[in-house]
Structures are given as structure tokens and as C-alpha cells.
PDB file of N, CA and C in Angstrom:
ATOM      1  N   MET A   1      23.882 -93.445 -39.123  1.00  0.00           N
ATOM      2  CA  MET A   1      22.467 -93.169 -38.990  1.00  0.00           C
ATOM      3  C   MET A   1      22.212 -91.661 -38.954  1.00  0.00           C
ATOM      4  N   LYS A   2      23.120 -90.937 -38.276  1.00  0.00           N
ATOM      5  CA  LYS A   2      22.965 -89.498 -38.177  1.00  0.00           C
ATOM      6  C   LYS A   2      23.105 -88.836 -39.554  1.00  0.00           C
ATOM      7  N   SER A   3      24.033 -89.338 -40.368  1.00  0.00           N
ATOM      8  CA  SER A   3      24.220 -88.759 -41.699  1.00  0.00           C
ATOM      9  C   SER A   3      23.026 -89.065 -42.607  1.00  0.00           C
ATOM     10  N   LEU A   4      22.364 -90.203 -42.397  1.00  0.00           N
ATOM     11  CA  LEU A   4      21.172 -90.533 -43.178  1.00  0.00           C
ATOM     12  C   LEU A   4      20.035 -89.569 -42.856  1.00  0.00           C
ATOM     13  N   LYS A   5      19.863 -89.260 -41.579  1.00  0.00           N
ATOM     14  CA  LYS A   5      18.827 -88.302 -41.173  1.00  0.00           C
ATOM     15  C   LYS A   5      19.113 -86.914 -41.751  1.00  0.00           C
ATOM     16  N   LEU A   6      20.370 -86.541 -41.722  1.00  0.00           N
ATOM     17  CA  LEU A   6      20.758 -85.242 -42.267  1.00  0.00           C
ATOM     18  C   LEU A   6      20.505 -85.192 -43.773  1.00  0.00           C
ATOM     19  N   PHE A   7      20.823 -86.279 -44.469  1.00  0.00           N
ATOM     20  CA  PHE A   7      20.576 -86.358 -45.903  1.00  0.00           C
ATOM     21  C   PHE A   7      19.087 -86.257 -46.219  1.00  0.00           C
ATOM     22  N   VAL A   8      18.242 -86.968 -45.469  1.00  0.00           N
ATOM     23  CA  VAL A   8      16.793 -86.932 -45.685  1.00  0.00           C
ATOM     24  C   VAL A   8      16.252 -85.537 -45.410  1.00  0.00           C
ATOM     25  N   LEU A   9      16.745 -84.879 -44.373  1.00  0.00           N
ATOM     26  CA  LEU A   9      16.315 -83.519 -44.063  1.00  0.00           C
ATOM     27  C   LEU A   9      16.708 -82.561 -45.189  1.00  0.00           C
ATOM     28  N   ALA A  10      17.932 -82.689 -45.687  1.00  0.00           N
ATOM     29  CA  ALA A  10      18.379 -81.829 -46.784  1.00  0.00           C
ATOM     30  C   ALA A  10      17.552 -82.066 -48.042  1.00  0.00           C
ATOM     31  N   LEU A  11      17.243 -83.321 -48.339  1.00  0.00           N
ATOM     32  CA  LEU A  11      16.424 -83.651 -49.498  1.00  0.00           C
ATOM     33  C   LEU A  11      15.016 -83.079 -49.359  1.00  0.00           C
ATOM     34  N   ALA A  12      14.451 -83.144 -48.164  1.00  0.00           N
ATOM     35  CA  ALA A  12      13.108 -82.597 -47.924  1.00  0.00           C
ATOM     36  C   ALA A  12      13.101 -81.085 -48.113  1.00  0.00           C
ATOM     37  N   LEU A  13      14.105 -80.405 -47.591  1.00  0.00           N
ATOM     38  CA  LEU A  13      14.175 -78.952 -47.754  1.00  0.00           C
ATOM     39  C   LEU A  13      14.361 -78.563 -49.216  1.00  0.00           C
ATOM     40  N   PHE A  14      15.161 -79.309 -49.943  1.00  0.00           N
ATOM     41  CA  PHE A  14      15.356 -79.045 -51.361  1.00  0.00           C
ATOM     42  C   PHE A  14      14.052 -79.226 -52.129  1.00  0.00           C
ATOM     43  N   THR A  15      13.304 -80.274 -51.818  1.00  0.00           N
ATOM     44  CA  THR A  15      12.034 -80.553 -52.490  1.00  0.00           C
ATOM     45  C   THR A  15      11.025 -79.448 -52.213  1.00  0.00           C
ATOM     46  N   ILE A  16      10.959 -78.971 -50.992  1.00  0.00           N
ATOM     47  CA  ILE A  16      10.037 -77.888 -50.641  1.00  0.00           C
ATOM     48  C   ILE A  16      10.418 -76.615 -51.378  1.00  0.00           C
ATOM     49  N   ASN A  17      11.704 -76.332 -51.460  1.00  0.00           N
ATOM     50  CA  ASN A  17      12.178 -75.129 -52.141  1.00  0.00           C
ATOM     51  C   ASN A  17      11.866 -75.176 -53.629  1.00  0.00           C
ATOM     52  N   VAL A  18      12.066 -76.314 -54.269  1.00  0.00           N
ATOM     53  CA  VAL A  18      11.790 -76.452 -55.699  1.00  0.00           C
ATOM     54  C   VAL A  18      10.303 -76.306 -55.975  1.00  0.00           C
ATOM     55  N   SER A  19       9.448 -76.880 -55.156  1.00  0.00           N
ATOM     56  CA  SER A  19       8.011 -76.782 -55.386  1.00  0.00           C
ATOM     57  C   SER A  19       7.502 -75.371 -55.129  1.00  0.00           C
ATOM     58  N   ALA A  20       8.165 -74.614 -54.279  1.00  0.00           N
ATOM     59  CA  ALA A  20       7.735 -73.240 -53.998  1.00  0.00           C
ATOM     60  C   ALA A  20       8.066 -72.302 -55.150  1.00  0.00           C
ATOM     61  N   THR A  21       9.055 -72.639 -55.963  1.00  0.00           N
ATOM     62  CA  THR A  21       9.444 -71.758 -57.065  1.00  0.00           C
ATOM     63  C   THR A  21       8.777 -72.120 -58.383  1.00  0.00           C
ATOM     64  N   THR A  22       7.866 -73.071 -58.394  1.00  0.00           N
ATOM     65  CA  THR A  22       7.165 -73.457 -59.611  1.00  0.00           C
ATOM     66  C   THR A  22       6.283 -72.303 -60.069  1.00  0.00           C
ATOM     67  N   LEU A  23       6.303 -72.004 -61.370  1.00  0.00           N
ATOM     68  CA  LEU A  23       5.529 -70.895 -61.912  1.00  0.00           C
ATOM     69  C   LEU A  23       4.051 -71.235 -61.986  1.00  0.00           C
ATOM     70  N   ASN A  24       3.240 -70.314 -61.567  1.00  0.00           N
ATOM     71  CA  ASN A  24       1.794 -70.400 -61.726  1.00  0.00           C
ATOM     72  C   ASN A  24       1.329 -69.105 -62.375  1.00  0.00           C
ATOM     73  N   PRO A  25       1.490 -68.993 -63.697  1.00  0.00           N
ATOM     74  CA  PRO A  25       1.135 -67.730 -64.344  1.00  0.00           C
ATOM     75  C   PRO A  25      -0.364 -67.480 -64.291  1.00  0.00           C
ATOM     76  N   VAL A  26      -0.720 -66.211 -64.268  1.00  0.00           N
ATOM     77  CA  VAL A  26      -2.120 -65.805 -64.243  1.00  0.00           C
ATOM     78  C   VAL A  26      -2.481 -65.148 -65.560  1.00  0.00           C
ATOM     79  N   LYS A  27      -3.760 -65.063 -65.820  1.00  0.00           N
ATOM     80  CA  LYS A  27      -4.266 -64.424 -67.033  1.00  0.00           C
ATOM     81  C   LYS A  27      -4.259 -62.910 -66.821  1.00  0.00           C
ATOM     82  N   PRO A  28      -3.739 -62.139 -67.778  1.00  0.00           N
ATOM     83  CA  PRO A  28      -3.724 -60.687 -67.616  1.00  0.00           C
ATOM     84  C   PRO A  28      -5.137 -60.108 -67.688  1.00  0.00           C
ATOM     85  N   THR A  29      -5.305 -58.947 -67.084  1.00  0.00           N
ATOM     86  CA  THR A  29      -6.599 -58.272 -67.122  1.00  0.00           C
ATOM     87  C   THR A  29      -6.900 -57.825 -68.555  1.00  0.00           C
ATOM     88  N   ASP A  30      -8.161 -57.539 -68.806  1.00  0.00           N
ATOM     89  CA  ASP A  30      -8.549 -57.097 -70.151  1.00  0.00           C
ATOM     90  C   ASP A  30      -7.843 -55.804 -70.550  1.00  0.00           C
ATOM     91  N   GLU A  31      -7.689 -54.872 -69.594  1.00  0.00           N
ATOM     92  CA  GLU A  31      -7.020 -53.606 -69.893  1.00  0.00           C
ATOM     93  C   GLU A  31      -5.570 -53.837 -70.300  1.00  0.00           C
ATOM     94  N   LEU A  32      -4.879 -54.715 -69.575  1.00  0.00           N
ATOM     95  CA  LEU A  32      -3.489 -55.023 -69.906  1.00  0.00           C
ATOM     96  C   LEU A  32      -3.407 -55.734 -71.251  1.00  0.00           C
ATOM     97  N   ARG A  33      -4.328 -56.628 -71.512  1.00  0.00           N
ATOM     98  CA  ARG A  33      -4.339 -57.343 -72.792  1.00  0.00           C
ATOM     99  C   ARG A  33      -4.537 -56.366 -73.952  1.00  0.00           C
ATOM    100  N   PHE A  34      -5.452 -55.405 -73.799  1.00  0.00           N
ATOM    101  CA  PHE A  34      -5.681 -54.405 -74.848  1.00  0.00           C
ATOM    102  C   PHE A  34      -4.434 -53.546 -75.085  1.00  0.00           C
ATOM    103  N   GLU A  35      -3.734 -53.201 -74.006  1.00  0.00           N
ATOM    104  CA  GLU A  35      -2.497 -52.423 -74.159  1.00  0.00           C
ATOM    105  C   GLU A  35      -1.442 -53.221 -74.920  1.00  0.00           C
ATOM    106  N   ILE A  36      -1.357 -54.503 -74.642  1.00  0.00           N
ATOM    107  CA  ILE A  36      -0.375 -55.344 -75.329  1.00  0.00           C
ATOM    108  C   ILE A  36      -0.727 -55.488 -76.798  1.00  0.00           C
ATOM    109  N   VAL A  37      -2.002 -55.634 -77.104  1.00  0.00           N
ATOM    110  CA  VAL A  37      -2.438 -55.715 -78.504  1.00  0.00           C
ATOM    111  C   VAL A  37      -2.071 -54.423 -79.233  1.00  0.00           C
ATOM    112  N   ASP A  38      -2.246 -53.273 -78.580  1.00  0.00           N
ATOM    113  CA  ASP A  38      -1.854 -51.996 -79.190  1.00  0.00           C
ATOM    114  C   ASP A  38      -0.348 -51.931 -79.423  1.00  0.00           C
ATOM    115  N   LEU A  39       0.434 -52.454 -78.476  1.00  0.00           N
ATOM    116  CA  LEU A  39       1.888 -52.454 -78.642  1.00  0.00           C
ATOM    117  C   LEU A  39       2.325 -53.339 -79.801  1.00  0.00           C
ATOM    118  N   ILE A  40       1.667 -54.477 -79.974  1.00  0.00           N
ATOM    119  CA  ILE A  40       2.013 -55.384 -81.075  1.00  0.00           C
ATOM    120  C   ILE A  40       1.668 -54.737 -82.408  1.00  0.00           C
ATOM    121  N   GLY A  41       0.530 -54.081 -82.477  1.00  0.00           N
ATOM    122  CA  GLY A  41       0.130 -53.381 -83.685  1.00  0.00           C
ATOM    123  C   GLY A  41      -0.459 -54.304 -84.744  1.00  0.00           C
ATOM    124  N   THR A  42      -0.712 -53.740 -85.919  1.00  0.00           N
ATOM    125  CA  THR A  42      -1.315 -54.518 -87.003  1.00  0.00           C
ATOM    126  C   THR A  42      -0.355 -54.738 -88.162  1.00  0.00           C
ATOM    127  N   ASN A  43       0.791 -54.092 -88.170  1.00  0.00           N
ATOM    128  CA  ASN A  43       1.773 -54.261 -89.254  1.00  0.00           C
ATOM    129  C   ASN A  43       2.781 -55.331 -88.891  1.00  0.00           C
ATOM    130  N   TYR A  44       2.292 -56.484 -88.555  1.00  0.00           N
ATOM    131  CA  TYR A  44       3.207 -57.532 -88.129  1.00  0.00           C
ATOM    132  C   TYR A  44       3.516 -58.484 -89.262  1.00  0.00           C
ATOM    133  N   MET A  45       4.763 -58.827 -89.318  1.00  0.00           N
ATOM    134  CA  MET A  45       5.275 -59.887 -90.167  1.00  0.00           C
ATOM    135  C   MET A  45       4.682 -59.894 -91.568  1.00  0.00           C
ATOM    136  N   THR A  46       5.134 -58.987 -92.396  1.00  0.00           N
ATOM    137  CA  THR A  46       4.628 -58.918 -93.760  1.00  0.00           C
ATOM    138  C   THR A  46       5.032 -60.142 -94.572  1.00  0.00           C
ATOM    139  N   GLU A  47       6.042 -60.866 -94.090  1.00  0.00           N
ATOM    140  CA  GLU A  47       6.495 -62.068 -94.804  1.00  0.00           C
ATOM    141  C   GLU A  47       5.876 -63.340 -94.230  1.00  0.00           C
ATOM    142  N   MET A  48       4.689 -63.235 -93.651  1.00  0.00           N
ATOM    143  CA  MET A  48       4.048 -64.420 -93.081  1.00  0.00           C
ATOM    144  C   MET A  48       3.762 -65.440 -94.178  1.00  0.00           C
ATOM    145  N   VAL A  49       4.181 -66.659 -93.969  1.00  0.00           N
ATOM    146  CA  VAL A  49       3.952 -67.713 -94.941  1.00  0.00           C
ATOM    147  C   VAL A  49       2.616 -68.392 -94.649  1.00  0.00           C
ATOM    148  N   ALA A  50       2.400 -68.753 -93.406  1.00  0.00           N
ATOM    149  CA  ALA A  50       1.146 -69.399 -93.014  1.00  0.00           C
ATOM    150  C   ALA A  50       0.076 -68.335 -92.790  1.00  0.00           C
ATOM    151  N   ASP A  51      -1.167 -68.774 -92.746  1.00  0.00           N
ATOM    152  CA  ASP A  51      -2.279 -67.843 -92.532  1.00  0.00           C
ATOM    153  C   ASP A  51      -2.412 -67.404 -91.079  1.00  0.00           C
ATOM    154  N   GLN A  52      -1.859 -68.198 -90.162  1.00  0.00           N
ATOM    155  CA  GLN A  52      -1.953 -67.823 -88.756  1.00  0.00           C
ATOM    156  C   GLN A  52      -0.809 -68.447 -87.970  1.00  0.00           C
ATOM    157  N   TYR A  53      -0.414 -67.735 -86.919  1.00  0.00           N
ATOM    158  CA  TYR A  53       0.619 -68.220 -86.003  1.00  0.00           C
ATOM    159  C   TYR A  53       0.093 -68.071 -84.583  1.00  0.00           C
ATOM    160  N   ASN A  54       0.512 -68.986 -83.726  1.00  0.00           N
ATOM    161  CA  ASN A  54       0.141 -68.935 -82.319  1.00  0.00           C
ATOM    162  C   ASN A  54       1.403 -68.865 -81.475  1.00  0.00           C
ATOM    163  N   ALA A  55       1.290 -68.167 -80.356  1.00  0.00           N
ATOM    164  CA  ALA A  55       2.413 -68.072 -79.424  1.00  0.00           C
ATOM    165  C   ALA A  55       1.869 -67.898 -78.018  1.00  0.00           C
ATOM    166  N   ASP A  56       2.631 -68.335 -77.052  1.00  0.00           N
ATOM    167  CA  ASP A  56       2.321 -68.103 -75.641  1.00  0.00           C
ATOM    168  C   ASP A  56       3.416 -67.206 -75.091  1.00  0.00           C
ATOM    169  N   VAL A  57       3.027 -66.024 -74.626  1.00  0.00           N
ATOM    170  CA  VAL A  57       3.979 -65.047 -74.111  1.00  0.00           C
ATOM    171  C   VAL A  57       3.917 -65.070 -72.589  1.00  0.00           C
ATOM    172  N   LEU A  58       5.045 -65.331 -71.970  1.00  0.00           N
ATOM    173  CA  LEU A  58       5.167 -65.333 -70.522  1.00  0.00           C
ATOM    174  C   LEU A  58       5.901 -64.061 -70.145  1.00  0.00           C
ATOM    175  N   PHE A  59       5.279 -63.215 -69.313  1.00  0.00           N
ATOM    176  CA  PHE A  59       5.880 -61.927 -68.990  1.00  0.00           C
ATOM    177  C   PHE A  59       5.520 -61.501 -67.575  1.00  0.00           C
ATOM    178  N   THR A  60       6.189 -60.462 -67.129  1.00  0.00           N
ATOM    179  CA  THR A  60       5.893 -59.851 -65.846  1.00  0.00           C
ATOM    180  C   THR A  60       5.878 -58.338 -66.034  1.00  0.00           C
ATOM    181  N   VAL A  61       5.325 -57.628 -65.055  1.00  0.00           N
ATOM    182  CA  VAL A  61       5.295 -56.168 -65.083  1.00  0.00           C
ATOM    183  C   VAL A  61       6.055 -55.673 -63.856  1.00  0.00           C
ATOM    184  N   THR A  62       7.016 -54.788 -64.084  1.00  0.00           N
ATOM    185  CA  THR A  62       7.834 -54.280 -62.986  1.00  0.00           C
ATOM    186  C   THR A  62       7.097 -53.194 -62.214  1.00  0.00           C
ATOM    187  N   ALA A  63       7.707 -52.752 -61.116  1.00  0.00           N
ATOM    188  CA  ALA A  63       7.136 -51.663 -60.331  1.00  0.00           C
ATOM    189  C   ALA A  63       7.120 -50.364 -61.124  1.00  0.00           C
ATOM    190  N   ASN A  64       7.986 -50.247 -62.127  1.00  0.00           N
ATOM    191  CA  ASN A  64       8.015 -49.067 -62.998  1.00  0.00           C
ATOM    192  C   ASN A  64       7.038 -49.189 -64.155  1.00  0.00           C
ATOM    193  N   LYS A  65       6.169 -50.187 -64.115  1.00  0.00           N
ATOM    194  CA  LYS A  65       5.150 -50.432 -65.133  1.00  0.00           C
ATOM    195  C   LYS A  65       5.751 -50.767 -66.495  1.00  0.00           C
ATOM    196  N   GLU A  66       6.838 -51.523 -66.505  1.00  0.00           N
ATOM    197  CA  GLU A  66       7.454 -51.980 -67.748  1.00  0.00           C
ATOM    198  C   GLU A  66       7.203 -53.462 -67.922  1.00  0.00           C
ATOM    199  N   LEU A  67       6.907 -53.865 -69.162  1.00  0.00           N
ATOM    200  CA  LEU A  67       6.762 -55.284 -69.475  1.00  0.00           C
ATOM    201  C   LEU A  67       8.150 -55.907 -69.590  1.00  0.00           C
ATOM    202  N   ILE A  68       8.313 -57.063 -68.993  1.00  0.00           N
ATOM    203  CA  ILE A  68       9.540 -57.841 -69.144  1.00  0.00           C
ATOM    204  C   ILE A  68       9.120 -59.196 -69.704  1.00  0.00           C
ATOM    205  N   VAL A  69       9.497 -59.464 -70.942  1.00  0.00           N
ATOM    206  CA  VAL A  69       9.152 -60.730 -71.592  1.00  0.00           C
ATOM    207  C   VAL A  69      10.114 -61.797 -71.077  1.00  0.00           C
ATOM    208  N   LEU A  70       9.555 -62.826 -70.454  1.00  0.00           N
ATOM    209  CA  LEU A  70      10.364 -63.922 -69.932  1.00  0.00           C
ATOM    210  C   LEU A  70      10.598 -64.984 -70.989  1.00  0.00           C
ATOM    211  N   SER A  71       9.554 -65.304 -71.748  1.00  0.00           N
ATOM    212  CA  SER A  71       9.709 -66.270 -72.834  1.00  0.00           C
ATOM    213  C   SER A  71       8.556 -66.141 -73.811  1.00  0.00           C
ATOM    214  N   VAL A  72       8.821 -66.563 -75.044  1.00  0.00           N
ATOM    215  CA  VAL A  72       7.794 -66.650 -76.081  1.00  0.00           C
ATOM    216  C   VAL A  72       7.879 -68.062 -76.626  1.00  0.00           C
ATOM    217  N   ASP A  73       6.780 -68.791 -76.513  1.00  0.00           N
ATOM    218  CA  ASP A  73       6.747 -70.178 -76.986  1.00  0.00           C
ATOM    219  C   ASP A  73       5.972 -70.229 -78.293  1.00  0.00           C
ATOM    220  N   SER A  74       6.695 -70.442 -79.389  1.00  0.00           N
ATOM    221  CA  SER A  74       6.084 -70.493 -80.710  1.00  0.00           C
ATOM    222  C   SER A  74       6.919 -71.391 -81.608  1.00  0.00           C
ATOM    223  N   ASP A  75       6.287 -71.901 -82.667  1.00  0.00           N
ATOM    224  CA  ASP A  75       7.005 -72.706 -83.648  1.00  0.00           C
ATOM    225  C   ASP A  75       7.800 -71.845 -84.624  1.00  0.00           C
ATOM    226  N   ASN A  76       7.488 -70.564 -84.685  1.00  0.00           N
ATOM    227  CA  ASN A  76       8.111 -69.655 -85.631  1.00  0.00           C
ATOM    228  C   ASN A  76       9.124 -68.766 -84.904  1.00  0.00           C
ATOM    229  N   ASP A  77      10.385 -68.855 -85.275  1.00  0.00           N
ATOM    230  CA  ASP A  77      11.435 -68.057 -84.646  1.00  0.00           C
ATOM    231  C   ASP A  77      11.282 -66.570 -84.941  1.00  0.00           C
ATOM    232  N   GLN A  78      10.818 -66.232 -86.147  1.00  0.00           N
ATOM    233  CA  GLN A  78      10.595 -64.826 -86.493  1.00  0.00           C
ATOM    234  C   GLN A  78       9.530 -64.209 -85.596  1.00  0.00           C
ATOM    235  N   LEU A  79       8.474 -64.961 -85.331  1.00  0.00           N
ATOM    236  CA  LEU A  79       7.401 -64.472 -84.468  1.00  0.00           C
ATOM    237  C   LEU A  79       7.917 -64.243 -83.056  1.00  0.00           C
ATOM    238  N   GLU A  80       8.742 -65.149 -82.564  1.00  0.00           N
ATOM    239  CA  GLU A  80       9.307 -64.999 -81.225  1.00  0.00           C
ATOM    240  C   GLU A  80      10.116 -63.710 -81.121  1.00  0.00           C
ATOM    241  N   SER A  81      11.011 -63.481 -82.063  1.00  0.00           N
ATOM    242  CA  SER A  81      11.836 -62.273 -82.009  1.00  0.00           C
ATOM    243  C   SER A  81      11.001 -61.016 -82.236  1.00  0.00           C
ATOM    244  N   TYR A  82       9.979 -61.100 -83.082  1.00  0.00           N
ATOM    245  CA  TYR A  82       9.100 -59.956 -83.326  1.00  0.00           C
ATOM    246  C   TYR A  82       8.365 -59.556 -82.043  1.00  0.00           C
ATOM    247  N   LEU A  83       7.783 -60.540 -81.357  1.00  0.00           N
ATOM    248  CA  LEU A  83       7.035 -60.248 -80.131  1.00  0.00           C
ATOM    249  C   LEU A  83       7.951 -59.725 -79.030  1.00  0.00           C
ATOM    250  N   LYS A  84       9.131 -60.287 -78.914  1.00  0.00           N
ATOM    251  CA  LYS A  84      10.084 -59.796 -77.912  1.00  0.00           C
ATOM    252  C   LYS A  84      10.477 -58.359 -78.194  1.00  0.00           C
ATOM    253  N   ALA A  85      10.721 -58.037 -79.455  1.00  0.00           N
ATOM    254  CA  ALA A  85      11.118 -56.675 -79.820  1.00  0.00           C
ATOM    255  C   ALA A  85       9.989 -55.680 -79.580  1.00  0.00           C
ATOM    256  N   LYS A  86       8.759 -56.080 -79.841  1.00  0.00           N
ATOM    257  CA  LYS A  86       7.620 -55.178 -79.693  1.00  0.00           C
ATOM    258  C   LYS A  86       7.209 -54.964 -78.238  1.00  0.00           C
ATOM    259  N   LEU A  87       7.447 -55.965 -77.369  1.00  0.00           N
ATOM    260  CA  LEU A  87       6.903 -55.907 -76.013  1.00  0.00           C
ATOM    261  C   LEU A  87       7.933 -55.652 -74.910  1.00  0.00           C
ATOM    262  N   ASN A  88       9.156 -56.117 -75.091  1.00  0.00           N
ATOM    263  CA  ASN A  88      10.117 -56.068 -73.995  1.00  0.00           C
ATOM    264  C   ASN A  88      10.473 -54.635 -73.614  1.00  0.00           C
ATOM    265  N   TYR A  89      10.377 -54.327 -72.334  1.00  0.00           N
ATOM    266  CA  TYR A  89      10.702 -53.030 -71.729  1.00  0.00           C
ATOM    267  C   TYR A  89       9.799 -51.892 -72.184  1.00  0.00           C
ATOM    268  N   LYS A  90       8.582 -52.207 -72.634  1.00  0.00           N
ATOM    269  CA  LYS A  90       7.629 -51.163 -73.003  1.00  0.00           C
ATOM    270  C   LYS A  90       6.778 -50.799 -71.783  1.00  0.00           C
ATOM    271  N   LYS A  91       6.421 -49.534 -71.673  1.00  0.00           N
ATOM    272  CA  LYS A  91       5.621 -49.035 -70.555  1.00  0.00           C
ATOM    273  C   LYS A  91       4.140 -49.351 -70.777  1.00  0.00           C
ATOM    274  N   VAL A  92       3.455 -49.718 -69.683  1.00  0.00           N
ATOM    275  CA  VAL A  92       2.017 -49.954 -69.696  1.00  0.00           C
ATOM    276  C   VAL A  92       1.399 -49.245 -68.487  1.00  0.00           C
ATOM    277  N   ASN A  93       0.098 -49.150 -68.462  1.00  0.00           N
ATOM    278  CA  ASN A  93      -0.602 -48.501 -67.350  1.00  0.00           C
ATOM    279  C   ASN A  93      -1.107 -49.512 -66.332  1.00  0.00           C
ATOM    280  N   HIS A  94      -0.390 -50.577 -66.125  1.00  0.00           N
ATOM    281  CA  HIS A  94      -0.817 -51.634 -65.213  1.00  0.00           C
ATOM    282  C   HIS A  94       0.182 -51.745 -64.073  1.00  0.00           C
ATOM    283  N   ARG A  95      -0.316 -51.711 -62.861  1.00  0.00           N
ATOM    284  CA  ARG A  95       0.533 -51.944 -61.700  1.00  0.00           C
ATOM    285  C   ARG A  95       0.185 -53.328 -61.170  1.00  0.00           C
ATOM    286  N   PRO A  96       1.185 -54.211 -61.049  1.00  0.00           N
ATOM    287  CA  PRO A  96       0.901 -55.572 -60.586  1.00  0.00           C
ATOM    288  C   PRO A  96       0.346 -55.578 -59.164  1.00  0.00           C
ATOM    289  N   SER A  97      -0.566 -56.521 -58.898  1.00  0.00           N
ATOM    290  CA  SER A  97      -1.164 -56.609 -57.570  1.00  0.00           C
ATOM    291  C   SER A  97      -0.178 -57.130 -56.542  1.00  0.00           C
ATOM    292  N   LYS A  98       0.783 -57.960 -56.985  1.00  0.00           N
ATOM    293  CA  LYS A  98       1.848 -58.404 -56.082  1.00  0.00           C
ATOM    294  C   LYS A  98       3.154 -58.485 -56.853  1.00  0.00           C
ATOM    295  N   PHE A  99       4.247 -58.267 -56.148  1.00  0.00           N
ATOM    296  CA  PHE A  99       5.571 -58.229 -56.752  1.00  0.00           C
ATOM    297  C   PHE A  99       5.915 -59.583 -57.358  1.00  0.00           C
ATOM    298  N   GLY A 100       6.416 -59.574 -58.590  1.00  0.00           N
ATOM    299  CA  GLY A 100       6.859 -60.794 -59.235  1.00  0.00           C
ATOM    300  C   GLY A 100       5.747 -61.616 -59.864  1.00  0.00           C
ATOM    301  N   GLU A 101       4.559 -61.043 -60.016  1.00  0.00           N
ATOM    302  CA  GLU A 101       3.448 -61.783 -60.620  1.00  0.00           C
ATOM    303  C   GLU A 101       3.770 -62.075 -62.086  1.00  0.00           C
ATOM    304  N   ILE A 102       3.582 -63.323 -62.493  1.00  0.00           N
ATOM    305  CA  ILE A 102       3.885 -63.775 -63.844  1.00  0.00           C
ATOM    306  C   ILE A 102       2.574 -63.945 -64.605  1.00  0.00           C
ATOM    307  N   TYR A 103       2.537 -63.450 -65.837  1.00  0.00           N
ATOM    308  CA  TYR A 103       1.346 -63.520 -66.677  1.00  0.00           C
ATOM    309  C   TYR A 103       1.615 -64.414 -67.879  1.00  0.00           C
ATOM    310  N   LEU A 104       0.582 -65.089 -68.336  1.00  0.00           N
ATOM    311  CA  LEU A 104       0.650 -65.899 -69.553  1.00  0.00           C
ATOM    312  C   LEU A 104      -0.420 -65.394 -70.504  1.00  0.00           C
ATOM    313  N   LEU A 105       0.008 -64.940 -71.674  1.00  0.00           N
ATOM    314  CA  LEU A 105      -0.921 -64.411 -72.671  1.00  0.00           C
ATOM    315  C   LEU A 105      -0.798 -65.213 -73.955  1.00  0.00           C
ATOM    316  N   PRO A 106      -1.852 -65.957 -74.323  1.00  0.00           N
ATOM    317  CA  PRO A 106      -1.828 -66.617 -75.627  1.00  0.00           C
ATOM    318  C   PRO A 106      -2.071 -65.587 -76.731  1.00  0.00           C
ATOM    319  N   VAL A 107      -1.246 -65.635 -77.768  1.00  0.00           N
ATOM    320  CA  VAL A 107      -1.341 -64.669 -78.864  1.00  0.00           C
ATOM    321  C   VAL A 107      -1.608 -65.444 -80.143  1.00  0.00           C
ATOM    322  N   LYS A 108      -2.611 -64.986 -80.895  1.00  0.00           N
ATOM    323  CA  LYS A 108      -2.914 -65.570 -82.204  1.00  0.00           C
ATOM    324  C   LYS A 108      -2.796 -64.441 -83.225  1.00  0.00           C
ATOM    325  N   MET A 109      -1.907 -64.625 -84.201  1.00  0.00           N
ATOM    326  CA  MET A 109      -1.697 -63.623 -85.231  1.00  0.00           C
ATOM    327  C   MET A 109      -2.195 -64.197 -86.558  1.00  0.00           C
ATOM    328  N   VAL A 110      -3.167 -63.501 -87.155  1.00  0.00           N
ATOM    329  CA  VAL A 110      -3.820 -63.965 -88.372  1.00  0.00           C
ATOM    330  C   VAL A 110      -3.426 -63.055 -89.519  1.00  0.00           C
ATOM    331  N   LYS A 111      -3.064 -63.663 -90.641  1.00  0.00           N
ATOM    332  CA  LYS A 111      -2.675 -62.924 -91.834  1.00  0.00           C
ATOM    333  C   LYS A 111      -3.917 -62.347 -92.496  1.00  0.00           C
ATOM    334  N   ASP A 112      -3.837 -61.072 -92.881  1.00  0.00           N
ATOM    335  CA  ASP A 112      -4.929 -60.448 -93.623  1.00  0.00           C
ATOM    336  C   ASP A 112      -4.963 -61.042 -95.023  1.00  0.00           C
ATOM    337  N   LEU A 113      -6.126 -61.456 -95.435  1.00  0.00           N
ATOM    338  CA  LEU A 113      -6.269 -62.060 -96.770  1.00  0.00           C
ATOM    339  C   LEU A 113      -6.757 -61.079 -97.781  1.00  0.00           C
TER     340      LEU A 113
END
């Protein structure tokens, strides 16, 4: 009986710990979004096949004001590597309001016709 109580207690603590680490990304401020758009630039992917691509960029900003790309969710592998190369470890003028804040930025890239 004692081992059952210990097991239930351990399971409860594990469940609380897992739920506390769940990501709740926030939307970046307009100033940060404009800086990221400038970093991406307009000379993107000259070999674009489709007229538009979408991606969700999950990132954080360090205390040194550097972007750290955590993940890029897109159907196009070239777009993922392009966005990571353009954004990862680049300096911005944004200081996070709290340490470890995670941002989610939807990106839509449209081919010039």
C-alpha cells in the first residue's frame, strides 16, 4: 500500500512538471515583427515554384538581444533552411519582458509576379 501511494505521488509530480513546461508562445510586438521582416529581406528564394509559401517561426530573444530560432514549421524544406539562416543569431532591438519568452510568428512569402 505504501508503494502504491509513493507511485501515485510520483505520477502526480511528473504530470505537474510536464504541464508546467508546455509552450505558450506569444505574438511578437509590431517593432520586433518589422525588424524580422527587414532581416528576411525581399530577395528570398529566387527558385520559388509556388506563388506563395507559409511558415510558422518559433523563436526566442536572448538577454543579448539575439534571435534564436527554435523551429520553423513549413511544407518547404528550402524555406525552413532559408528562414533559419536569415534569422538565427541575428541582433534585434528588442529586450524580452521576461526570460525565456517564446514567440510565434506566422510568415507568408509571396512570389513577385
